[in-house]
C-alpha atoms as a PDB file:
ATOM      1  CA  MET A   1      -3.260 -48.655  50.628  1.00  0.00           C
ATOM      2  CA  ARG A   2      -1.639 -51.226  48.687  1.00  0.00           C
ATOM      3  CA  VAL A   3      -5.345 -51.896  47.140  1.00  0.00           C
ATOM      4  CA  LEU A   4      -5.984 -48.359  46.330  1.00  0.00           C
ATOM      5  CA  LEU A   5      -2.650 -48.281  44.321  1.00  0.00           C
ATOM      6  CA  LEU A   6      -2.905 -51.667  42.829  1.00  0.00           C
ATOM      7  CA  THR A   7      -6.803 -50.473  41.814  1.00  0.00           C
ATOM      8  CA  ILE A   8      -5.199 -47.420  40.014  1.00  0.00           C
ATOM      9  CA  LEU A   9      -2.919 -49.494  38.456  1.00  0.00           C
ATOM     10  CA  LEU A  10      -5.256 -51.602  37.186  1.00  0.00           C
ATOM     11  CA  PHE A  11      -7.457 -48.925  36.084  1.00  0.00           C
ATOM     12  CA  VAL A  12      -4.354 -46.979  34.357  1.00  0.00           C
ATOM     13  CA  ALA A  13      -3.861 -50.490  32.714  1.00  0.00           C
ATOM     14  CA  VAL A  14      -6.975 -50.948  30.686  1.00  0.00           C
ATOM     15  CA  SER A  15      -7.549 -47.156  30.227  1.00  0.00           C
ATOM     16  CA  PHE A  16      -4.682 -47.339  28.026  1.00  0.00           C
ATOM     17  CA  TYR A  17      -5.028 -50.437  26.356  1.00  0.00           C
ATOM     18  CA  SER A  18      -8.482 -49.585  25.328  1.00  0.00           C
ATOM     19  CA  CYS A  19      -7.195 -46.462  23.986  1.00  0.00           C
ATOM     20  CA  SER A  20      -7.883 -44.995  20.581  1.00  0.00           C
ATOM     21  CA  LEU A  21      -5.343 -43.320  18.406  1.00  0.00           C
ATOM     22  CA  TYR A  22      -6.388 -40.871  15.447  1.00  0.00           C
ATOM     23  CA  PHE A  23      -3.717 -40.393  12.940  1.00  0.00           C
ATOM     24  CA  ASP A  24      -3.425 -37.053  10.581  1.00  0.00           C
ATOM     25  CA  ALA A  25      -2.499 -38.755   6.892  1.00  0.00           C
ATOM     26  CA  PHE A  26      -0.544 -36.642   4.199  1.00  0.00           C
ATOM     27  CA  LEU A  27       0.764 -37.382   1.175  1.00  0.00           C
ATOM     28  CA  ARG A  28       3.598 -35.778  -0.847  1.00  0.00           C
ATOM     29  CA  ASN A  29       4.546 -35.611  -4.435  1.00  0.00           C
ATOM     30  CA  MET A  30       7.977 -35.458  -4.868  1.00  0.00           C
ATOM     31  CA  THR A  31       8.498 -36.125  -8.413  1.00  0.00           C
ATOM     32  CA  ARG A  32       8.429 -33.433 -11.247  1.00  0.00           C
ATOM     33  CA  GLU A  33       5.566 -34.191 -12.764  1.00  0.00           C
ATOM     34  CA  THR A  34       2.095 -34.054 -11.810  1.00  0.00           C
ATOM     35  CA  ALA A  35       0.066 -36.603  -9.565  1.00  0.00           C
ATOM     36  CA  THR A  36      -3.376 -37.294 -10.097  1.00  0.00           C
ATOM     37  CA  ILE A  37      -5.329 -38.690  -7.110  1.00  0.00           C
ATOM     38  CA  ASP A  38      -8.673 -40.750  -7.966  1.00  0.00           C
ATOM     39  CA  VAL A  39     -11.105 -41.398  -5.097  1.00  0.00           C
ATOM     40  CA  PHE A  40     -14.120 -43.702  -4.966  1.00  0.00           C
ATOM     41  CA  LEU A  41     -16.781 -43.280  -2.185  1.00  0.00           C
ATOM     42  CA  ASN A  42     -18.003 -46.873  -1.680  1.00  0.00           C
ATOM     43  CA  LYS A  43     -20.514 -45.918   1.084  1.00  0.00           C
ATOM     44  CA  ARG A  44     -21.616 -42.526  -0.066  1.00  0.00           C
ATOM     45  CA  ASN A  45     -24.437 -42.639   3.000  1.00  0.00           C
ATOM     46  CA  GLN A  46     -20.963 -42.439   5.494  1.00  0.00           C
ATOM     47  CA  TRP A  47     -19.963 -38.741   4.493  1.00  0.00           C
ATOM     48  CA  ALA A  48     -21.760 -36.419   5.979  1.00  0.00           C
ATOM     49  CA  THR A  49     -20.263 -33.953   4.021  1.00  0.00           C
ATOM     50  CA  LEU A  50     -17.882 -34.577   0.690  1.00  0.00           C
ATOM     51  CA  PRO A  51     -15.037 -32.708   0.117  1.00  0.00           C
ATOM     52  CA  ASN A  52     -14.786 -29.803  -2.789  1.00  0.00           C
ATOM     53  CA  ARG A  53     -11.192 -29.053  -1.274  1.00  0.00           C
ATOM     54  CA  VAL A  54      -8.383 -29.838   0.190  1.00  0.00           C
ATOM     55  CA  LYS A  55      -5.429 -28.367   2.080  1.00  0.00           C
ATOM     56  CA  THR A  56      -1.956 -27.878   0.279  1.00  0.00           C
ATOM     57  CA  ALA A  57       1.311 -27.046   1.526  1.00  0.00           C
ATOM     58  CA  CYS A  58       3.514 -25.848  -2.448  1.00  0.00           C
ATOM     59  CA  LYS A  59       6.277 -27.282  -0.376  1.00  0.00           C
ATOM     60  CA  LEU A  60       7.653 -30.822   0.472  1.00  0.00           C
ATOM     61  CA  VAL A  61       6.557 -30.812   4.664  1.00  0.00           C
ATOM     62  CA  ASN A  62       9.079 -32.051   6.989  1.00  0.00           C
ATOM     63  CA  PHE A  63       6.669 -33.190   9.907  1.00  0.00           C
ATOM     64  CA  LYS A  64       8.152 -31.029  12.575  1.00  0.00           C
ATOM     65  CA  SER A  65       6.506 -29.132  15.232  1.00  0.00           C
ATOM     66  CA  GLY A  66       4.446 -26.366  13.330  1.00  0.00           C
ATOM     67  CA  TYR A  67       4.373 -28.358   9.709  1.00  0.00           C
ATOM     68  CA  LYS A  68       0.323 -27.121  10.301  1.00  0.00           C
ATOM     69  CA  LYS A  69       1.075 -23.782   9.342  1.00  0.00           C
ATOM     70  CA  TYR A  70       2.392 -24.547   6.209  1.00  0.00           C
ATOM     71  CA  PHE A  71      -1.129 -26.146   5.152  1.00  0.00           C
ATOM     72  CA  SER A  72      -1.967 -22.538   4.147  1.00  0.00           C
ATOM     73  CA  GLU A  73      -3.205 -22.688   0.028  1.00  0.00           C
ATOM     74  CA  THR A  74      -6.446 -24.965  -1.422  1.00  0.00           C
ATOM     75  CA  THR A  75      -6.327 -27.287  -4.150  1.00  0.00           C
ATOM     76  CA  TYR A  76     -10.248 -28.076  -5.625  1.00  0.00           C
ATOM     77  CA  VAL A  77     -11.325 -31.441  -6.321  1.00  0.00           C
ATOM     78  CA  THR A  78     -13.030 -32.268  -9.517  1.00  0.00           C
ATOM     79  CA  TRP A  79     -15.986 -34.412  -9.605  1.00  0.00           C
ATOM     80  CA  PHE A  80     -17.493 -37.143 -12.336  1.00  0.00           C
ATOM     81  CA  ASP A  81     -20.701 -38.568 -10.375  1.00  0.00           C
ATOM     82  CA  SER A  82     -21.694 -38.677  -6.824  1.00  0.00           C
ATOM     83  CA  VAL A  83     -19.162 -41.582  -6.210  1.00  0.00           C
ATOM     84  CA  HIS A  84     -16.017 -40.594  -8.231  1.00  0.00           C
ATOM     85  CA  PHE A  85     -13.429 -37.365  -7.524  1.00  0.00           C
ATOM     86  CA  GLN A  86     -10.053 -36.675  -8.976  1.00  0.00           C
ATOM     87  CA  LEU A  87      -7.470 -34.529  -7.280  1.00  0.00           C
ATOM     88  CA  LYS A  88      -4.361 -33.053  -9.020  1.00  0.00           C
ATOM     89  CA  VAL A  89      -1.475 -32.417  -6.838  1.00  0.00           C
ATOM     90  CA  SER A  90       1.359 -30.344  -7.588  1.00  0.00           C
ATOM     91  CA  PRO A  91       4.956 -31.187  -8.448  1.00  0.00           C
ATOM     92  CA  ASN A  92       6.898 -31.041  -5.041  1.00  0.00           C
ATOM     93  CA  SER A  93       3.884 -30.059  -2.568  1.00  0.00           C
ATOM     94  CA  THR A  94       1.789 -31.775   0.143  1.00  0.00           C
ATOM     95  CA  ILE A  95      -1.590 -32.471   0.704  1.00  0.00           C
ATOM     96  CA  ASP A  96      -3.890 -32.963   3.990  1.00  0.00           C
ATOM     97  CA  LEU A  97      -5.400 -36.545   2.877  1.00  0.00           C
ATOM     98  CA  SER A  98      -7.846 -36.394   6.010  1.00  0.00           C
ATOM     99  CA  GLN A  99      -9.767 -34.235   3.949  1.00  0.00           C
ATOM    100  CA  ILE A 100     -10.504 -36.903   1.126  1.00  0.00           C
ATOM    101  CA  ALA A 101     -10.126 -40.116   3.241  1.00  0.00           C
ATOM    102  CA  GLY A 102     -11.949 -39.350   6.284  1.00  0.00           C
ATOM    103  CA  THR A 103     -10.044 -39.458   9.716  1.00  0.00           C
ATOM    104  CA  PHE A 104      -7.637 -42.339  10.347  1.00  0.00           C
ATOM    105  CA  LEU A 105      -8.263 -44.218  13.825  1.00  0.00           C
ATOM    106  CA  ASN A 106      -5.969 -46.592  15.014  1.00  0.00           C
ATOM    107  CA  SER A 107      -3.932 -45.913  11.950  1.00  0.00           C
ATOM    108  CA  SER A 108      -6.680 -47.335   9.552  1.00  0.00           C
ATOM    109  CA  PRO A 109      -9.120 -44.610   7.352  1.00  0.00           C
ATOM    110  CA  THR A 110     -12.608 -44.989   9.352  1.00  0.00           C
ATOM    111  CA  LYS A 111     -14.344 -44.200   6.067  1.00  0.00           C
ATOM    112  CA  ASP A 112     -15.153 -46.644   3.468  1.00  0.00           C
ATOM    113  CA  VAL A 113     -13.004 -45.243   0.277  1.00  0.00           C
ATOM    114  CA  ARG A 114     -10.718 -46.279  -2.429  1.00  0.00           C
ATOM    115  CA  VAL A 115      -7.493 -43.844  -2.906  1.00  0.00           C
ATOM    116  CA  ILE A 116      -5.721 -44.132  -5.950  1.00  0.00           C
ATOM    117  CA  VAL A 117      -2.632 -42.292  -6.938  1.00  0.00           C
ATOM    118  CA  SER A 118      -0.859 -42.189 -10.761  1.00  0.00           C
ATOM    119  CA  THR A 119       1.676 -40.121 -11.960  1.00  0.00           C
ATOM    120  CA  GLY A 120       3.475 -41.000 -15.639  1.00  0.00           C
ATOM    121  CA  SER A 121       3.041 -44.269 -16.158  1.00  0.00           C
ATOM    122  CA  LYS A 122       3.226 -45.298 -11.849  1.00  0.00           C
ATOM    123  CA  VAL A 123      -0.199 -46.367 -10.569  1.00  0.00           C
ATOM    124  CA  ASP A 124      -0.479 -47.173  -6.561  1.00  0.00           C
ATOM    125  CA  THR A 125      -3.348 -48.177  -4.761  1.00  0.00           C
ATOM    126  CA  LEU A 126      -3.065 -46.387  -0.895  1.00  0.00           C
ATOM    127  CA  ILE A 127      -6.193 -47.249   0.469  1.00  0.00           C
ATOM    128  CA  ASN A 128      -8.928 -49.598  -0.569  1.00  0.00           C
ATOM    129  CA  GLY A 129     -11.489 -49.742   1.991  1.00  0.00           C
ATOM    130  CA  HIS A 130     -12.008 -50.763   5.024  1.00  0.00           C
ATOM    131  CA  SER A 131     -10.603 -54.266   5.232  1.00  0.00           C
ATOM    132  CA  ASP A 132      -7.390 -53.620   3.093  1.00  0.00           C
ATOM    133  CA  PHE A 133      -5.379 -50.967   3.880  1.00  0.00           C
ATOM    134  CA  ARG A 134      -2.303 -50.721   2.948  1.00  0.00           C
ATOM    135  CA  HIS A 135       0.528 -50.123   5.947  1.00  0.00           C
ATOM    136  CA  ASP A 136       3.400 -50.863   4.469  1.00  0.00           C
ATOM    137  CA  LEU A 137       2.910 -48.415   1.679  1.00  0.00           C
ATOM    138  CA  PHE A 138       2.726 -45.123   4.528  1.00  0.00           C
ATOM    139  CA  LYS A 139       5.426 -43.744   6.374  1.00  0.00           C
ATOM    140  CA  TYR A 140       5.104 -43.385  10.192  1.00  0.00           C
ATOM    141  CA  LYS A 141       6.436 -40.324  12.202  1.00  0.00           C
ATOM    142  CA  SER A 142       5.148 -40.093  15.945  1.00  0.00           C
ATOM    143  CA  LYS A 143       4.279 -37.345  16.999  1.00  0.00           C
ATOM    144  CA  ALA A 144       3.099 -36.288  20.956  1.00  0.00           C
ATOM    145  CA  PHE A 145      -0.871 -36.376  20.755  1.00  0.00           C
ATOM    146  CA  ARG A 146      -1.583 -37.415  17.042  1.00  0.00           C
ATOM    147  CA  PRO A 147       0.902 -39.588  15.155  1.00  0.00           C
ATOM    148  CA  ILE A 148       1.442 -39.076  10.751  1.00  0.00           C
ATOM    149  CA  LEU A 149       1.110 -41.437   8.318  1.00  0.00           C
ATOM    150  CA  TYR A 150       2.644 -39.898   5.158  1.00  0.00           C
ATOM    151  CA  TYR A 151       3.117 -41.122   1.870  1.00  0.00           C
ATOM    152  CA  ASP A 152       6.206 -40.386  -0.696  1.00  0.00           C
ATOM    153  CA  VAL A 153       5.561 -40.298  -4.191  1.00  0.00           C
ATOM    154  CA  LYS A 154       8.471 -41.161  -6.147  1.00  0.00           C
END
């Protein structure tokens, strides 16, 4: 009986240690002006489909239970060439970054992408490929099955 219990505990410990978490990522524009997001795809061949639009909420979303119901609007992206597109984010709104930056695995983006956010005179690099994910810029919120990373443009 002890051997069986020890085996089960060992199996559970190894399973949770090697567990990978998928994160949802969002951007909230808390300013009174339109924010511009420039996305550069460093390795375009990794993308199965390229985004033409993103899900948008026309309000600042508080990430509580049922928050995904607010993402009912669509914002279209502007393509400049095959590796660079731009997105305008309205004031006091929230967008879903997963469609433009890929899925976030263990809080790091899985796609090789660079994301730059600018408003007026402020410019910030949010994501700069695999090797340079800016953890200090994103805020973390724990949800039961899928944690959330979000960035507030201020």
